[in-house]
Amino acid sequence: MRAGIIAFGITIVAFSFGSTVVHAEEVRCQAIRDSAQCAAQPECWYDAANNTGCLPGPPPAVDRCGNHSSESVCNTSSFGCTWNAGDEKCESKAP
């Protein structure tokens, strides 16, 4: 009976240690509170726009031209933007 309880306890401990290894990278990025320290880690990125802090993985692709709201600003930007009259929004020029 004691051997069964000890074996059960060892199994529970083994499973709990096994599951923490899987999430170790994610916890490390999310534990960083400083944006500069987050930016220094190549596997992390800091999401200041949505105020979610340091996140694991690569940052999502963002169209830099999407922030321009008028045609005059869009066409004079140095990001290579062009105004789409049909959608009335600024978009990146196709390569």
C-alpha atoms as a PDB file:
ATOM      1  CA  MET A   1       0.000   0.000   0.000  1.00  0.00           C
ATOM      2  CA  ARG A   2       2.794   2.417   0.903  1.00  0.00           C
ATOM      3  CA  ALA A   3       4.659   1.606  -2.296  1.00  0.00           C
ATOM      4  CA  GLY A   4       1.557   2.450  -4.315  1.00  0.00           C
ATOM      5  CA  ILE A   5       1.135   5.808  -2.581  1.00  0.00           C
ATOM      6  CA  ILE A   6       4.822   6.639  -3.049  1.00  0.00           C
ATOM      7  CA  ALA A   7       4.661   5.674  -6.738  1.00  0.00           C
ATOM      8  CA  PHE A   8       1.551   7.823  -7.174  1.00  0.00           C
ATOM      9  CA  GLY A   9       3.304  10.765  -5.494  1.00  0.00           C
ATOM     10  CA  ILE A  10       6.376  10.406  -7.673  1.00  0.00           C
ATOM     11  CA  THR A  11       4.162  10.295 -10.768  1.00  0.00           C
ATOM     12  CA  ILE A  12       2.385  13.520  -9.767  1.00  0.00           C
ATOM     13  CA  VAL A  13       5.721  15.268  -9.155  1.00  0.00           C
ATOM     14  CA  ALA A  14       7.117  14.055 -12.495  1.00  0.00           C
ATOM     15  CA  PHE A  15       4.099  15.334 -14.414  1.00  0.00           C
ATOM     16  CA  SER A  16       4.178  18.717 -12.693  1.00  0.00           C
ATOM     17  CA  PHE A  17       7.874  19.228 -13.547  1.00  0.00           C
ATOM     18  CA  GLY A  18       7.304  18.060 -17.115  1.00  0.00           C
ATOM     19  CA  SER A  19       4.607  20.646 -17.795  1.00  0.00           C
ATOM     20  CA  THR A  20       6.627  23.611 -16.504  1.00  0.00           C
ATOM     21  CA  VAL A  21       9.422  22.989 -19.021  1.00  0.00           C
ATOM     22  CA  VAL A  22       7.051  23.481 -21.949  1.00  0.00           C
ATOM     23  CA  HIS A  23       6.037  27.002 -20.875  1.00  0.00           C
ATOM     24  CA  ALA A  24       9.433  28.191 -19.624  1.00  0.00           C
ATOM     25  CA  GLU A  25      10.168  30.420 -22.640  1.00  0.00           C
ATOM     26  CA  GLU A  26       6.750  32.095 -22.574  1.00  0.00           C
ATOM     27  CA  VAL A  27       6.924  32.795 -18.863  1.00  0.00           C
ATOM     28  CA  ARG A  28      10.363  34.325 -19.213  1.00  0.00           C
ATOM     29  CA  CYS A  29       9.237  36.878 -21.816  1.00  0.00           C
ATOM     30  CA  GLN A  30       6.067  37.751 -19.931  1.00  0.00           C
ATOM     31  CA  ALA A  31       8.000  38.161 -16.680  1.00  0.00           C
ATOM     32  CA  ILE A  32      10.032  41.049 -18.158  1.00  0.00           C
ATOM     33  CA  ARG A  33       8.411  44.371 -17.222  1.00  0.00           C
ATOM     34  CA  ASP A  34      10.912  46.796 -18.768  1.00  0.00           C
ATOM     35  CA  SER A  35      10.580  47.562 -22.481  1.00  0.00           C
ATOM     36  CA  ALA A  36      14.340  47.981 -22.998  1.00  0.00           C
ATOM     37  CA  GLN A  37      15.114  44.623 -21.390  1.00  0.00           C
ATOM     38  CA  CYS A  38      12.369  43.030 -23.494  1.00  0.00           C
ATOM     39  CA  ALA A  39      13.758  44.528 -26.716  1.00  0.00           C
ATOM     40  CA  ALA A  40      17.205  43.162 -25.832  1.00  0.00           C
ATOM     41  CA  GLN A  41      15.852  39.589 -25.902  1.00  0.00           C
ATOM     42  CA  PRO A  42      15.763  38.272 -29.509  1.00  0.00           C
ATOM     43  CA  GLU A  43      12.866  35.889 -28.797  1.00  0.00           C
ATOM     44  CA  CYS A  44      10.634  38.571 -27.221  1.00  0.00           C
ATOM     45  CA  TRP A  45       8.870  41.745 -28.400  1.00  0.00           C
ATOM     46  CA  TYR A  46       7.194  44.586 -26.487  1.00  0.00           C
ATOM     47  CA  ASP A  47       3.596  45.489 -27.335  1.00  0.00           C
ATOM     48  CA  ALA A  48       3.209  49.069 -26.161  1.00  0.00           C
ATOM     49  CA  ALA A  49       0.290  49.846 -28.489  1.00  0.00           C
ATOM     50  CA  ASN A  50      -2.076  47.392 -26.788  1.00  0.00           C
ATOM     51  CA  ASN A  51      -0.431  47.739 -23.360  1.00  0.00           C
ATOM     52  CA  THR A  52       0.126  43.979 -23.030  1.00  0.00           C
ATOM     53  CA  GLY A  53       3.855  44.183 -22.226  1.00  0.00           C
ATOM     54  CA  CYS A  54       6.556  41.757 -23.263  1.00  0.00           C
ATOM     55  CA  LEU A  55       5.376  38.837 -25.397  1.00  0.00           C
ATOM     56  CA  PRO A  56       7.144  35.744 -26.785  1.00  0.00           C
ATOM     57  CA  GLY A  57       7.758  35.140 -30.480  1.00  0.00           C
ATOM     58  CA  PRO A  58       8.199  37.495 -33.418  1.00  0.00           C
ATOM     59  CA  PRO A  59       6.115  40.682 -33.583  1.00  0.00           C
ATOM     60  CA  PRO A  60       3.211  40.699 -36.049  1.00  0.00           C
ATOM     61  CA  ALA A  61       3.733  42.422 -39.384  1.00  0.00           C
ATOM     62  CA  VAL A  62       2.316  45.961 -39.377  1.00  0.00           C
ATOM     63  CA  ASP A  63       1.733  48.221 -42.376  1.00  0.00           C
ATOM     64  CA  ARG A  64       3.551  51.459 -41.521  1.00  0.00           C
ATOM     65  CA  CYS A  65       1.451  53.392 -44.001  1.00  0.00           C
ATOM     66  CA  GLY A  66      -1.851  52.507 -42.329  1.00  0.00           C
ATOM     67  CA  ASN A  67      -1.423  55.319 -39.800  1.00  0.00           C
ATOM     68  CA  HIS A  68      -1.623  58.076 -42.421  1.00  0.00           C
ATOM     69  CA  SER A  69      -5.186  59.327 -42.578  1.00  0.00           C
ATOM     70  CA  SER A  70      -4.992  61.903 -45.361  1.00  0.00           C
ATOM     71  CA  GLU A  71      -3.832  61.765 -48.964  1.00  0.00           C
ATOM     72  CA  SER A  72      -1.383  64.654 -48.613  1.00  0.00           C
ATOM     73  CA  VAL A  73       0.450  63.034 -45.703  1.00  0.00           C
ATOM     74  CA  CYS A  74       0.384  59.610 -47.348  1.00  0.00           C
ATOM     75  CA  ASN A  75       1.955  60.717 -50.624  1.00  0.00           C
ATOM     76  CA  THR A  76       4.703  62.783 -48.969  1.00  0.00           C
ATOM     77  CA  SER A  77       5.809  60.166 -46.422  1.00  0.00           C
ATOM     78  CA  SER A  78       9.244  58.594 -46.732  1.00  0.00           C
ATOM     79  CA  PHE A  79       7.935  55.058 -46.114  1.00  0.00           C
ATOM     80  CA  GLY A  80       6.996  54.423 -49.747  1.00  0.00           C
ATOM     81  CA  CYS A  81       3.250  54.850 -49.313  1.00  0.00           C
ATOM     82  CA  THR A  82       0.530  55.477 -51.848  1.00  0.00           C
ATOM     83  CA  TRP A  83      -3.057  56.656 -51.445  1.00  0.00           C
ATOM     84  CA  ASN A  84      -5.779  54.176 -52.466  1.00  0.00           C
ATOM     85  CA  ALA A  85      -8.684  56.354 -53.620  1.00  0.00           C
ATOM     86  CA  GLY A  86     -11.145  53.450 -53.818  1.00  0.00           C
ATOM     87  CA  ASP A  87     -10.660  52.388 -50.191  1.00  0.00           C
ATOM     88  CA  GLU A  88      -9.724  55.916 -49.049  1.00  0.00           C
ATOM     89  CA  LYS A  89      -6.720  54.703 -47.089  1.00  0.00           C
ATOM     90  CA  CYS A  90      -2.950  54.798 -47.244  1.00  0.00           C
ATOM     91  CA  GLU A  91      -1.175  51.579 -48.249  1.00  0.00           C
ATOM     92  CA  SER A  92       2.382  50.427 -48.860  1.00  0.00           C
ATOM     93  CA  LYS A  93       3.498  50.438 -52.477  1.00  0.00           C
ATOM     94  CA  ALA A  94       3.790  46.974 -53.998  1.00  0.00           C
ATOM     95  CA  PRO A  95       7.458  45.958 -54.498  1.00  0.00           C
END
